[in-house]
Amino acid sequence: MKRFAGSGALAAFLSMVSLGACGVGEPTEEQLRDATQRLLVQVYERMNPSAALAANYRSLRPGVAPMPRITAFRKIGCAPANGKPGFACDIQLSYDGKAPVTDNARFYPLPDGTLAMAEQR
């Protein structure tokens, strides 16, 4: 059987691509931002279900606080979470134009391939 010269490099490349597709590896800034925004929305809806329904109709419901929206986001760095699935990441964010806040949060993969941010209690 004849072996191709670059087959070792190809095998290594294919294994890296398949690992990346399975969600192994550090999350991107975009994935972290999306997960953080989803958690903000979930918490908002849980705290005030009627406000969540009316958020897009603020002019019809005076006094309803708008849905929080991330206006700036930066990934500082991530490391594997100790003893838990996912990564512990340092992030900096501001929402609704407020001053930036730096925080550490755990992000973990969901069965559908998206990333979730663990709630801090």
PDB file of N, CA and C in Angstrom:
ATOM      1  N   MET A   1       0.839  -1.170   0.000  1.00  0.00           N
ATOM      2  CA  MET A   1       0.000   0.000   0.000  1.00  0.00           C
ATOM      3  C   MET A   1       0.889   1.239   0.000  1.00  0.00           C
ATOM      4  N   LYS A   2       0.584   2.174  -0.874  1.00  0.00           N
ATOM      5  CA  LYS A   2       1.368   3.397  -1.002  1.00  0.00           C
ATOM      6  C   LYS A   2       0.818   4.469  -0.065  1.00  0.00           C
ATOM      7  N   ARG A   3       1.704   5.113   0.662  1.00  0.00           N
ATOM      8  CA  ARG A   3       1.311   6.139   1.619  1.00  0.00           C
ATOM      9  C   ARG A   3       1.633   7.523   1.053  1.00  0.00           C
ATOM     10  N   PHE A   4       0.710   8.476   1.252  1.00  0.00           N
ATOM     11  CA  PHE A   4       0.937   9.831   0.761  1.00  0.00           C
ATOM     12  C   PHE A   4       1.869  10.567   1.713  1.00  0.00           C
ATOM     13  N   ALA A   5       2.664  11.454   1.163  1.00  0.00           N
ATOM     14  CA  ALA A   5       3.681  12.149   1.945  1.00  0.00           C
ATOM     15  C   ALA A   5       3.096  13.011   3.057  1.00  0.00           C
ATOM     16  N   GLY A   6       1.988  13.673   2.814  1.00  0.00           N
ATOM     17  CA  GLY A   6       1.428  14.587   3.811  1.00  0.00           C
ATOM     18  C   GLY A   6       0.326  13.976   4.644  1.00  0.00           C
ATOM     19  N   SER A   7       0.180  12.672   4.665  1.00  0.00           N
ATOM     20  CA  SER A   7      -0.970  12.072   5.349  1.00  0.00           C
ATOM     21  C   SER A   7      -0.940  12.293   6.857  1.00  0.00           C
ATOM     22  N   GLY A   8       0.237  12.367   7.488  1.00  0.00           N
ATOM     23  CA  GLY A   8       0.321  12.624   8.931  1.00  0.00           C
ATOM     24  C   GLY A   8      -0.186  14.014   9.268  1.00  0.00           C
ATOM     25  N   ALA A   9       0.210  14.998   8.479  1.00  0.00           N
ATOM     26  CA  ALA A   9      -0.241  16.368   8.706  1.00  0.00           C
ATOM     27  C   ALA A   9      -1.739  16.485   8.444  1.00  0.00           C
ATOM     28  N   LEU A  10      -2.223  15.784   7.430  1.00  0.00           N
ATOM     29  CA  LEU A  10      -3.646  15.817   7.122  1.00  0.00           C
ATOM     30  C   LEU A  10      -4.459  15.209   8.259  1.00  0.00           C
ATOM     31  N   ALA A  11      -3.994  14.100   8.796  1.00  0.00           N
ATOM     32  CA  ALA A  11      -4.692  13.448   9.907  1.00  0.00           C
ATOM     33  C   ALA A  11      -4.732  14.372  11.129  1.00  0.00           C
ATOM     34  N   ALA A  12      -3.637  15.042  11.413  1.00  0.00           N
ATOM     35  CA  ALA A  12      -3.591  15.969  12.548  1.00  0.00           C
ATOM     36  C   ALA A  12      -4.559  17.127  12.337  1.00  0.00           C
ATOM     37  N   PHE A  13      -4.587  17.651  11.113  1.00  0.00           N
ATOM     38  CA  PHE A  13      -5.487  18.754  10.784  1.00  0.00           C
ATOM     39  C   PHE A  13      -6.949  18.325  10.934  1.00  0.00           C
ATOM     40  N   LEU A  14      -7.279  17.144  10.401  1.00  0.00           N
ATOM     41  CA  LEU A  14      -8.657  16.668  10.478  1.00  0.00           C
ATOM     42  C   LEU A  14      -9.084  16.418  11.915  1.00  0.00           C
ATOM     43  N   SER A  15      -8.179  15.937  12.751  1.00  0.00           N
ATOM     44  CA  SER A  15      -8.546  15.713  14.149  1.00  0.00           C
ATOM     45  C   SER A  15      -8.770  17.038  14.871  1.00  0.00           C
ATOM     46  N   MET A  16      -7.991  18.073  14.540  1.00  0.00           N
ATOM     47  CA  MET A  16      -8.187  19.384  15.153  1.00  0.00           C
ATOM     48  C   MET A  16      -9.523  19.980  14.721  1.00  0.00           C
ATOM     49  N   VAL A  17      -9.857  19.826  13.423  1.00  0.00           N
ATOM     50  CA  VAL A  17     -11.115  20.361  12.916  1.00  0.00           C
ATOM     51  C   VAL A  17     -12.286  19.652  13.588  1.00  0.00           C
ATOM     52  N   SER A  18     -12.217  18.332  13.713  1.00  0.00           N
ATOM     53  CA  SER A  18     -13.324  17.607  14.328  1.00  0.00           C
ATOM     54  C   SER A  18     -13.446  17.942  15.809  1.00  0.00           C
ATOM     55  N   LEU A  19     -12.346  18.157  16.517  1.00  0.00           N
ATOM     56  CA  LEU A  19     -12.422  18.562  17.919  1.00  0.00           C
ATOM     57  C   LEU A  19     -13.033  19.944  18.046  1.00  0.00           C
ATOM     58  N   GLY A  20     -12.676  20.841  17.153  1.00  0.00           N
ATOM     59  CA  GLY A  20     -13.238  22.191  17.183  1.00  0.00           C
ATOM     60  C   GLY A  20     -14.729  22.183  16.928  1.00  0.00           C
ATOM     61  N   ALA A  21     -15.181  21.306  16.047  1.00  0.00           N
ATOM     62  CA  ALA A  21     -16.601  21.218  15.748  1.00  0.00           C
ATOM     63  C   ALA A  21     -17.387  20.675  16.930  1.00  0.00           C
ATOM     64  N   CYS A  22     -16.768  19.897  17.778  1.00  0.00           N
ATOM     65  CA  CYS A  22     -17.452  19.324  18.941  1.00  0.00           C
ATOM     66  C   CYS A  22     -17.497  20.294  20.104  1.00  0.00           C
ATOM     67  N   GLY A  23     -16.926  21.467  19.972  1.00  0.00           N
ATOM     68  CA  GLY A  23     -16.976  22.450  21.034  1.00  0.00           C
ATOM     69  C   GLY A  23     -15.793  22.377  21.977  1.00  0.00           C
ATOM     70  N   VAL A  24     -14.782  21.594  21.662  1.00  0.00           N
ATOM     71  CA  VAL A  24     -13.597  21.516  22.510  1.00  0.00           C
ATOM     72  C   VAL A  24     -12.731  22.716  22.176  1.00  0.00           C
ATOM     73  N   GLY A  25     -12.292  23.439  23.181  1.00  0.00           N
ATOM     74  CA  GLY A  25     -11.454  24.605  22.947  1.00  0.00           C
ATOM     75  C   GLY A  25     -12.088  25.841  23.549  1.00  0.00           C
ATOM     76  N   GLU A  26     -11.279  26.835  23.689  1.00  0.00           N
ATOM     77  CA  GLU A  26     -11.702  28.077  24.318  1.00  0.00           C
ATOM     78  C   GLU A  26     -12.775  28.783  23.488  1.00  0.00           C
ATOM     79  N   PRO A  27     -13.829  29.295  24.143  1.00  0.00           N
ATOM     80  CA  PRO A  27     -14.885  29.988  23.410  1.00  0.00           C
ATOM     81  C   PRO A  27     -14.419  31.323  22.847  1.00  0.00           C
ATOM     82  N   THR A  28     -15.059  31.749  21.773  1.00  0.00           N
ATOM     83  CA  THR A  28     -14.734  33.025  21.147  1.00  0.00           C
ATOM     84  C   THR A  28     -15.445  34.164  21.874  1.00  0.00           C
ATOM     85  N   GLU A  29     -15.007  35.368  21.605  1.00  0.00           N
ATOM     86  CA  GLU A  29     -15.650  36.547  22.192  1.00  0.00           C
ATOM     87  C   GLU A  29     -17.118  36.624  21.774  1.00  0.00           C
ATOM     88  N   GLU A  30     -17.408  36.295  20.532  1.00  0.00           N
ATOM     89  CA  GLU A  30     -18.787  36.335  20.034  1.00  0.00           C
ATOM     90  C   GLU A  30     -19.665  35.318  20.776  1.00  0.00           C
ATOM     91  N   GLN A  31     -19.158  34.108  21.001  1.00  0.00           N
ATOM     92  CA  GLN A  31     -19.910  33.099  21.741  1.00  0.00           C
ATOM     93  C   GLN A  31     -20.179  33.551  23.173  1.00  0.00           C
ATOM     94  N   LEU A  32     -19.182  34.160  23.804  1.00  0.00           N
ATOM     95  CA  LEU A  32     -19.345  34.650  25.173  1.00  0.00           C
ATOM     96  C   LEU A  32     -20.381  35.768  25.235  1.00  0.00           C
ATOM     97  N   ARG A  33     -20.324  36.675  24.276  1.00  0.00           N
ATOM     98  CA  ARG A  33     -21.284  37.792  24.227  1.00  0.00           C
ATOM     99  C   ARG A  33     -22.707  37.271  24.041  1.00  0.00           C
ATOM    100  N   ASP A  34     -22.891  36.336  23.099  1.00  0.00           N
ATOM    101  CA  ASP A  34     -24.221  35.776  22.846  1.00  0.00           C
ATOM    102  C   ASP A  34     -24.767  35.083  24.089  1.00  0.00           C
ATOM    103  N   ALA A  35     -23.936  34.296  24.769  1.00  0.00           N
ATOM    104  CA  ALA A  35     -24.367  33.585  25.973  1.00  0.00           C
ATOM    105  C   ALA A  35     -24.725  34.567  27.086  1.00  0.00           C
ATOM    106  N   THR A  36     -23.951  35.631  27.223  1.00  0.00           N
ATOM    107  CA  THR A  36     -24.210  36.638  28.248  1.00  0.00           C
ATOM    108  C   THR A  36     -25.522  37.362  27.960  1.00  0.00           C
ATOM    109  N   GLN A  37     -25.764  37.721  26.708  1.00  0.00           N
ATOM    110  CA  GLN A  37     -27.010  38.404  26.339  1.00  0.00           C
ATOM    111  C   GLN A  37     -28.211  37.493  26.582  1.00  0.00           C
ATOM    112  N   ARG A  38     -28.097  36.212  26.243  1.00  0.00           N
ATOM    113  CA  ARG A  38     -29.205  35.281  26.484  1.00  0.00           C
ATOM    114  C   ARG A  38     -29.533  35.194  27.977  1.00  0.00           C
ATOM    115  N   LEU A  39     -28.497  35.156  28.831  1.00  0.00           N
ATOM    116  CA  LEU A  39     -28.740  35.090  30.273  1.00  0.00           C
ATOM    117  C   LEU A  39     -29.391  36.384  30.776  1.00  0.00           C
ATOM    118  N   LEU A  40     -28.943  37.538  30.289  1.00  0.00           N
ATOM    119  CA  LEU A  40     -29.568  38.808  30.683  1.00  0.00           C
ATOM    120  C   LEU A  40     -31.059  38.799  30.357  1.00  0.00           C
ATOM    121  N   VAL A  41     -31.406  38.320  29.177  1.00  0.00           N
ATOM    122  CA  VAL A  41     -32.803  38.270  28.754  1.00  0.00           C
ATOM    123  C   VAL A  41     -33.588  37.285  29.624  1.00  0.00           C
ATOM    124  N   GLN A  42     -33.021  36.113  29.895  1.00  0.00           N
ATOM    125  CA  GLN A  42     -33.707  35.121  30.726  1.00  0.00           C
ATOM    126  C   GLN A  42     -33.986  35.664  32.132  1.00  0.00           C
ATOM    127  N   VAL A  43     -32.996  36.318  32.725  1.00  0.00           N
ATOM    128  CA  VAL A  43     -33.171  36.875  34.073  1.00  0.00           C
ATOM    129  C   VAL A  43     -34.228  37.977  34.043  1.00  0.00           C
ATOM    130  N   TYR A  44     -34.173  38.833  33.032  1.00  0.00           N
ATOM    131  CA  TYR A  44     -35.147  39.922  32.879  1.00  0.00           C
ATOM    132  C   TYR A  44     -36.563  39.356  32.779  1.00  0.00           C
ATOM    133  N   GLU A  45     -36.750  38.341  31.940  1.00  0.00           N
ATOM    134  CA  GLU A  45     -38.074  37.752  31.747  1.00  0.00           C
ATOM    135  C   GLU A  45     -38.567  37.051  33.003  1.00  0.00           C
ATOM    136  N   ARG A  46     -37.663  36.431  33.729  1.00  0.00           N
ATOM    137  CA  ARG A  46     -38.037  35.739  34.960  1.00  0.00           C
ATOM    138  C   ARG A  46     -38.442  36.742  36.054  1.00  0.00           C
ATOM    139  N   MET A  47     -37.765  37.884  36.090  1.00  0.00           N
ATOM    140  CA  MET A  47     -38.050  38.879  37.128  1.00  0.00           C
ATOM    141  C   MET A  47     -39.369  39.603  36.882  1.00  0.00           C
ATOM    142  N   ASN A  48     -39.721  39.790  35.617  1.00  0.00           N
ATOM    143  CA  ASN A  48     -40.935  40.536  35.317  1.00  0.00           C
ATOM    144  C   ASN A  48     -41.516  40.047  33.989  1.00  0.00           C
ATOM    145  N   PRO A  49     -42.283  38.963  34.002  1.00  0.00           N
ATOM    146  CA  PRO A  49     -42.824  38.409  32.761  1.00  0.00           C
ATOM    147  C   PRO A  49     -43.671  39.394  31.960  1.00  0.00           C
ATOM    148  N   SER A  50     -44.462  40.217  32.621  1.00  0.00           N
ATOM    149  CA  SER A  50     -45.297  41.159  31.868  1.00  0.00           C
ATOM    150  C   SER A  50     -44.447  42.235  31.201  1.00  0.00           C
ATOM    151  N   ALA A  51     -43.348  42.634  31.853  1.00  0.00           N
ATOM    152  CA  ALA A  51     -42.457  43.629  31.244  1.00  0.00           C
ATOM    153  C   ALA A  51     -41.766  43.038  30.033  1.00  0.00           C
ATOM    154  N   ALA A  52     -41.440  41.750  30.095  1.00  0.00           N
ATOM    155  CA  ALA A  52     -40.787  41.100  28.965  1.00  0.00           C
ATOM    156  C   ALA A  52     -41.696  41.113  27.749  1.00  0.00           C
ATOM    157  N   LEU A  53     -42.991  40.892  27.954  1.00  0.00           N
ATOM    158  CA  LEU A  53     -43.932  40.909  26.838  1.00  0.00           C
ATOM    159  C   LEU A  53     -44.112  42.311  26.283  1.00  0.00           C
ATOM    160  N   ALA A  54     -44.045  43.291  27.161  1.00  0.00           N
ATOM    161  CA  ALA A  54     -44.289  44.667  26.745  1.00  0.00           C
ATOM    162  C   ALA A  54     -43.027  45.422  26.365  1.00  0.00           C
ATOM    163  N   ALA A  55     -41.862  44.797  26.444  1.00  0.00           N
ATOM    164  CA  ALA A  55     -40.590  45.504  26.232  1.00  0.00           C
ATOM    165  C   ALA A  55     -40.527  46.198  24.886  1.00  0.00           C
ATOM    166  N   ASN A  56     -41.087  45.600  23.856  1.00  0.00           N
ATOM    167  CA  ASN A  56     -41.054  46.212  22.526  1.00  0.00           C
ATOM    168  C   ASN A  56     -42.171  47.222  22.321  1.00  0.00           C
ATOM    169  N   TYR A  57     -43.061  47.358  23.300  1.00  0.00           N
ATOM    170  CA  TYR A  57     -44.189  48.279  23.182  1.00  0.00           C
ATOM    171  C   TYR A  57     -44.161  49.283  24.322  1.00  0.00           C
ATOM    172  N   ARG A  58     -43.000  49.810  24.575  1.00  0.00           N
ATOM    173  CA  ARG A  58     -42.802  50.697  25.725  1.00  0.00           C
ATOM    174  C   ARG A  58     -43.726  51.907  25.678  1.00  0.00           C
ATOM    175  N   SER A  59     -43.985  52.427  24.471  1.00  0.00           N
ATOM    176  CA  SER A  59     -44.849  53.597  24.379  1.00  0.00           C
ATOM    177  C   SER A  59     -46.277  53.274  24.816  1.00  0.00           C
ATOM    178  N   LEU A  60     -46.676  51.986  24.726  1.00  0.00           N
ATOM    179  CA  LEU A  60     -48.010  51.593  25.146  1.00  0.00           C
ATOM    180  C   LEU A  60     -48.077  51.312  26.646  1.00  0.00           C
ATOM    181  N   ARG A  61     -46.940  51.034  27.268  1.00  0.00           N
ATOM    182  CA  ARG A  61     -46.886  50.694  28.691  1.00  0.00           C
ATOM    183  C   ARG A  61     -45.874  51.595  29.388  1.00  0.00           C
ATOM    184  N   PRO A  62     -46.246  52.795  29.754  1.00  0.00           N
ATOM    185  CA  PRO A  62     -45.308  53.684  30.433  1.00  0.00           C
ATOM    186  C   PRO A  62     -44.791  53.057  31.729  1.00  0.00           C
ATOM    187  N   GLY A  63     -43.525  53.282  32.003  1.00  0.00           N
ATOM    188  CA  GLY A  63     -42.920  52.777  33.217  1.00  0.00           C
ATOM    189  C   GLY A  63     -42.305  51.399  33.097  1.00  0.00           C
ATOM    190  N   VAL A  64     -42.468  50.746  31.954  1.00  0.00           N
ATOM    191  CA  VAL A  64     -41.873  49.422  31.766  1.00  0.00           C
ATOM    192  C   VAL A  64     -40.414  49.610  31.366  1.00  0.00           C
ATOM    193  N   ALA A  65     -39.530  49.005  32.143  1.00  0.00           N
ATOM    194  CA  ALA A  65     -38.096  49.110  31.838  1.00  0.00           C
ATOM    195  C   ALA A  65     -37.791  48.322  30.568  1.00  0.00           C
ATOM    196  N   PRO A  66     -36.958  48.865  29.692  1.00  0.00           N
ATOM    197  CA  PRO A  66     -36.624  48.143  28.467  1.00  0.00           C
ATOM    198  C   PRO A  66     -35.738  46.923  28.753  1.00  0.00           C
ATOM    199  N   MET A  67     -35.766  45.982  27.842  1.00  0.00           N
ATOM    200  CA  MET A  67     -34.923  44.795  27.935  1.00  0.00           C
ATOM    201  C   MET A  67     -33.460  45.241  27.928  1.00  0.00           C
ATOM    202  N   PRO A  68     -32.631  44.740  28.853  1.00  0.00           N
ATOM    203  CA  PRO A  68     -31.222  45.140  28.860  1.00  0.00           C
ATOM    204  C   PRO A  68     -30.517  44.671  27.588  1.00  0.00           C
ATOM    205  N   ARG A  69     -29.618  45.507  27.105  1.00  0.00           N
ATOM    206  CA  ARG A  69     -28.889  45.185  25.876  1.00  0.00           C
ATOM    207  C   ARG A  69     -27.416  45.499  26.082  1.00  0.00           C
ATOM    208  N   ILE A  70     -26.572  44.528  25.726  1.00  0.00           N
ATOM    209  CA  ILE A  70     -25.124  44.727  25.844  1.00  0.00           C
ATOM    210  C   ILE A  70     -24.687  45.731  24.781  1.00  0.00           C
ATOM    211  N   THR A  71     -24.005  46.792  25.223  1.00  0.00           N
ATOM    212  CA  THR A  71     -23.540  47.813  24.289  1.00  0.00           C
ATOM    213  C   THR A  71     -22.035  47.733  24.040  1.00  0.00           C
ATOM    214  N   ALA A  72     -21.297  47.072  24.933  1.00  0.00           N
ATOM    215  CA  ALA A  72     -19.859  46.848  24.729  1.00  0.00           C
ATOM    216  C   ALA A  72     -19.492  45.551  25.433  1.00  0.00           C
ATOM    217  N   PHE A  73     -18.616  44.777  24.801  1.00  0.00           N
ATOM    218  CA  PHE A  73     -18.229  43.482  25.365  1.00  0.00           C
ATOM    219  C   PHE A  73     -16.799  43.176  24.938  1.00  0.00           C
ATOM    220  N   ARG A  74     -16.020  42.660  25.896  1.00  0.00           N
ATOM    221  CA  ARG A  74     -14.634  42.283  25.586  1.00  0.00           C
ATOM    222  C   ARG A  74     -14.257  41.037  26.377  1.00  0.00           C
ATOM    223  N   LYS A  75     -13.718  40.066  25.683  1.00  0.00           N
ATOM    224  CA  LYS A  75     -13.185  38.864  26.330  1.00  0.00           C
ATOM    225  C   LYS A  75     -11.769  39.192  26.786  1.00  0.00           C
ATOM    226  N   ILE A  76     -11.500  38.988  28.081  1.00  0.00           N
ATOM    227  CA  ILE A  76     -10.161  39.230  28.604  1.00  0.00           C
ATOM    228  C   ILE A  76      -9.350  37.949  28.538  1.00  0.00           C
ATOM    229  N   GLY A  77      -9.956  36.834  28.937  1.00  0.00           N
ATOM    230  CA  GLY A  77      -9.264  35.555  28.873  1.00  0.00           C
ATOM    231  C   GLY A  77     -10.101  34.450  29.489  1.00  0.00           C
ATOM    232  N   CYS A  78      -9.773  33.204  29.145  1.00  0.00           N
ATOM    233  CA  CYS A  78     -10.498  32.038  29.658  1.00  0.00           C
ATOM    234  C   CYS A  78      -9.513  30.952  30.072  1.00  0.00           C
ATOM    235  N   ALA A  79      -9.948  30.116  31.001  1.00  0.00           N
ATOM    236  CA  ALA A  79      -9.191  28.939  31.426  1.00  0.00           C
ATOM    237  C   ALA A  79     -10.212  27.847  31.735  1.00  0.00           C
ATOM    238  N   PRO A  80      -9.814  26.581  31.627  1.00  0.00           N
ATOM    239  CA  PRO A  80     -10.762  25.514  31.963  1.00  0.00           C
ATOM    240  C   PRO A  80     -11.297  25.699  33.388  1.00  0.00           C
ATOM    241  N   ALA A  81     -12.613  25.501  33.555  1.00  0.00           N
ATOM    242  CA  ALA A  81     -13.239  25.644  34.875  1.00  0.00           C
ATOM    243  C   ALA A  81     -12.816  24.467  35.748  1.00  0.00           C
ATOM    244  N   ASN A  82     -12.401  24.750  36.963  1.00  0.00           N
ATOM    245  CA  ASN A  82     -11.946  23.703  37.879  1.00  0.00           C
ATOM    246  C   ASN A  82     -13.118  22.870  38.382  1.00  0.00           C
ATOM    247  N   GLY A  83     -13.117  21.574  38.040  1.00  0.00           N
ATOM    248  CA  GLY A  83     -14.125  20.658  38.546  1.00  0.00           C
ATOM    249  C   GLY A  83     -15.515  20.811  37.969  1.00  0.00           C
ATOM    250  N   LYS A  84     -15.685  21.668  36.978  1.00  0.00           N
ATOM    251  CA  LYS A  84     -16.991  21.886  36.353  1.00  0.00           C
ATOM    252  C   LYS A  84     -16.801  21.929  34.846  1.00  0.00           C
ATOM    253  N   PRO A  85     -17.867  21.637  34.103  1.00  0.00           N
ATOM    254  CA  PRO A  85     -17.730  21.702  32.644  1.00  0.00           C
ATOM    255  C   PRO A  85     -17.558  23.137  32.152  1.00  0.00           C
ATOM    256  N   GLY A  86     -16.853  23.284  31.049  1.00  0.00           N
ATOM    257  CA  GLY A  86     -16.717  24.591  30.419  1.00  0.00           C
ATOM    258  C   GLY A  86     -15.474  25.356  30.827  1.00  0.00           C
ATOM    259  N   PHE A  87     -15.572  26.672  30.698  1.00  0.00           N
ATOM    260  CA  PHE A  87     -14.449  27.568  30.934  1.00  0.00           C
ATOM    261  C   PHE A  87     -14.837  28.676  31.901  1.00  0.00           C
ATOM    262  N   ALA A  88     -13.906  29.085  32.721  1.00  0.00           N
ATOM    263  CA  ALA A  88     -14.056  30.276  33.553  1.00  0.00           C
ATOM    264  C   ALA A  88     -13.414  31.415  32.770  1.00  0.00           C
ATOM    265  N   CYS A  89     -14.197  32.436  32.486  1.00  0.00           N
ATOM    266  CA  CYS A  89     -13.704  33.519  31.631  1.00  0.00           C
ATOM    267  C   CYS A  89     -13.824  34.869  32.316  1.00  0.00           C
ATOM    268  N   ASP A  90     -12.805  35.688  32.133  1.00  0.00           N
ATOM    269  CA  ASP A  90     -12.851  37.077  32.561  1.00  0.00           C
ATOM    270  C   ASP A  90     -13.379  37.879  31.387  1.00  0.00           C
ATOM    271  N   ILE A  91     -14.431  38.657  31.648  1.00  0.00           N
ATOM    272  CA  ILE A  91     -15.051  39.461  30.599  1.00  0.00           C
ATOM    273  C   ILE A  91     -15.246  40.879  31.105  1.00  0.00           C
ATOM    274  N   GLN A  92     -15.353  41.811  30.172  1.00  0.00           N
ATOM    275  CA  GLN A  92     -15.691  43.190  30.504  1.00  0.00           C
ATOM    276  C   GLN A  92     -16.887  43.560  29.646  1.00  0.00           C
ATOM    277  N   LEU A  93     -17.924  44.100  30.271  1.00  0.00           N
ATOM    278  CA  LEU A  93     -19.104  44.450  29.501  1.00  0.00           C
ATOM    279  C   LEU A  93     -19.774  45.679  30.057  1.00  0.00           C
ATOM    280  N   SER A  94     -20.529  46.319  29.189  1.00  0.00           N
ATOM    281  CA  SER A  94     -21.423  47.383  29.634  1.00  0.00           C
ATOM    282  C   SER A  94     -22.745  47.132  28.936  1.00  0.00           C
ATOM    283  N   TYR A  95     -23.820  47.480  29.609  1.00  0.00           N
ATOM    284  CA  TYR A  95     -25.125  47.316  29.007  1.00  0.00           C
ATOM    285  C   TYR A  95     -25.885  48.624  29.118  1.00  0.00           C
ATOM    286  N   ASP A  96     -26.681  48.877  28.092  1.00  0.00           N
ATOM    287  CA  ASP A  96     -27.473  50.098  28.012  1.00  0.00           C
ATOM    288  C   ASP A  96     -26.629  51.356  28.206  1.00  0.00           C
ATOM    289  N   GLY A  97     -25.361  51.321  27.751  1.00  0.00           N
ATOM    290  CA  GLY A  97     -24.495  52.484  27.796  1.00  0.00           C
ATOM    291  C   GLY A  97     -23.913  52.815  29.160  1.00  0.00           C
ATOM    292  N   LYS A  98     -24.098  51.939  30.143  1.00  0.00           N
ATOM    293  CA  LYS A  98     -23.553  52.192  31.485  1.00  0.00           C
ATOM    294  C   LYS A  98     -22.046  51.939  31.508  1.00  0.00           C
ATOM    295  N   ALA A  99     -21.405  52.295  32.605  1.00  0.00           N
ATOM    296  CA  ALA A  99     -19.960  52.108  32.744  1.00  0.00           C
ATOM    297  C   ALA A  99     -19.606  50.618  32.653  1.00  0.00           C
ATOM    298  N   PRO A 100     -18.457  50.297  32.063  1.00  0.00           N
ATOM    299  CA  PRO A 100     -18.059  48.887  31.936  1.00  0.00           C
ATOM    300  C   PRO A 100     -17.812  48.228  33.292  1.00  0.00           C
ATOM    301  N   VAL A 101     -18.137  46.938  33.351  1.00  0.00           N
ATOM    302  CA  VAL A 101     -17.942  46.119  34.540  1.00  0.00           C
ATOM    303  C   VAL A 101     -17.089  44.927  34.141  1.00  0.00           C
ATOM    304  N   THR A 102     -16.110  44.564  34.964  1.00  0.00           N
ATOM    305  CA  THR A 102     -15.286  43.384  34.711  1.00  0.00           C
ATOM    306  C   THR A 102     -15.752  42.287  35.659  1.00  0.00           C
ATOM    307  N   ASP A 103     -15.911  41.080  35.105  1.00  0.00           N
ATOM    308  CA  ASP A 103     -16.423  39.976  35.908  1.00  0.00           C
ATOM    309  C   ASP A 103     -15.798  38.669  35.446  1.00  0.00           C
ATOM    310  N   ASN A 104     -15.930  37.649  36.293  1.00  0.00           N
ATOM    311  CA  ASN A 104     -15.504  36.299  35.943  1.00  0.00           C
ATOM    312  C   ASN A 104     -16.748  35.429  35.963  1.00  0.00           C
ATOM    313  N   ALA A 105     -16.947  34.653  34.915  1.00  0.00           N
ATOM    314  CA  ALA A 105     -18.129  33.799  34.822  1.00  0.00           C
ATOM    315  C   ALA A 105     -17.760  32.482  34.159  1.00  0.00           C
ATOM    316  N   ARG A 106     -18.592  31.467  34.422  1.00  0.00           N
ATOM    317  CA  ARG A 106     -18.367  30.164  33.802  1.00  0.00           C
ATOM    318  C   ARG A 106     -19.302  30.012  32.617  1.00  0.00           C
ATOM    319  N   PHE A 107     -18.737  29.552  31.524  1.00  0.00           N
ATOM    320  CA  PHE A 107     -19.478  29.305  30.296  1.00  0.00           C
ATOM    321  C   PHE A 107     -19.331  27.832  29.956  1.00  0.00           C
ATOM    322  N   TYR A 108     -20.426  27.204  29.559  1.00  0.00           N
ATOM    323  CA  TYR A 108     -20.394  25.769  29.273  1.00  0.00           C
ATOM    324  C   TYR A 108     -21.217  25.464  28.018  1.00  0.00           C
ATOM    325  N   PRO A 109     -20.881  24.383  27.312  1.00  0.00           N
ATOM    326  CA  PRO A 109     -21.599  24.047  26.074  1.00  0.00           C
ATOM    327  C   PRO A 109     -22.941  23.376  26.372  1.00  0.00           C
ATOM    328  N   LEU A 110     -23.940  23.705  25.572  1.00  0.00           N
ATOM    329  CA  LEU A 110     -25.252  23.069  25.641  1.00  0.00           C
ATOM    330  C   LEU A 110     -25.325  21.944  24.611  1.00  0.00           C
ATOM    331  N   PRO A 111     -26.270  21.033  24.751  1.00  0.00           N
ATOM    332  CA  PRO A 111     -26.374  19.924  23.790  1.00  0.00           C
ATOM    333  C   PRO A 111     -26.550  20.369  22.332  1.00  0.00           C
ATOM    334  N   ASP A 112     -27.153  21.548  22.116  1.00  0.00           N
ATOM    335  CA  ASP A 112     -27.350  22.012  20.728  1.00  0.00           C
ATOM    336  C   ASP A 112     -26.111  22.685  20.145  1.00  0.00           C
ATOM    337  N   GLY A 113     -25.018  22.738  20.913  1.00  0.00           N
ATOM    338  CA  GLY A 113     -23.777  23.310  20.412  1.00  0.00           C
ATOM    339  C   GLY A 113     -23.556  24.760  20.771  1.00  0.00           C
ATOM    340  N   THR A 114     -24.577  25.424  21.321  1.00  0.00           N
ATOM    341  CA  THR A 114     -24.397  26.827  21.732  1.00  0.00           C
ATOM    342  C   THR A 114     -23.751  26.860  23.112  1.00  0.00           C
ATOM    343  N   LEU A 115     -23.387  28.038  23.519  1.00  0.00           N
ATOM    344  CA  LEU A 115     -22.723  28.222  24.797  1.00  0.00           C
ATOM    345  C   LEU A 115     -23.681  28.877  25.769  1.00  0.00           C
ATOM    346  N   ALA A 116     -23.635  28.509  27.028  1.00  0.00           N
ATOM    347  CA  ALA A 116     -24.470  29.133  28.062  1.00  0.00           C
ATOM    348  C   ALA A 116     -23.576  29.712  29.139  1.00  0.00           C
ATOM    349  N   MET A 117     -24.073  30.755  29.776  1.00  0.00           N
ATOM    350  CA  MET A 117     -23.371  31.369  30.909  1.00  0.00           C
ATOM    351  C   MET A 117     -24.042  30.879  32.175  1.00  0.00           C
ATOM    352  N   ALA A 118     -23.260  30.342  33.103  1.00  0.00           N
ATOM    353  CA  ALA A 118     -23.806  29.863  34.367  1.00  0.00           C
ATOM    354  C   ALA A 118     -24.217  31.046  35.224  1.00  0.00           C
ATOM    355  N   GLU A 119     -25.388  30.939  35.837  1.00  0.00           N
ATOM    356  CA  GLU A 119     -25.830  31.994  36.740  1.00  0.00           C
ATOM    357  C   GLU A 119     -24.995  31.984  37.999  1.00  0.00           C
ATOM    358  N   GLN A 120     -24.674  33.151  38.501  1.00  0.00           N
ATOM    359  CA  GLN A 120     -23.907  33.272  39.736  1.00  0.00           C
ATOM    360  C   GLN A 120     -24.882  33.562  40.852  1.00  0.00           C
ATOM    361  N   ARG A 121     -24.840  32.764  41.876  1.00  0.00           N
ATOM    362  CA  ARG A 121     -25.782  32.947  42.997  1.00  0.00           C
ATOM    363  C   ARG A 121     -25.058  33.370  44.229  1.00  0.00           C
TER     364      ARG A 121
END
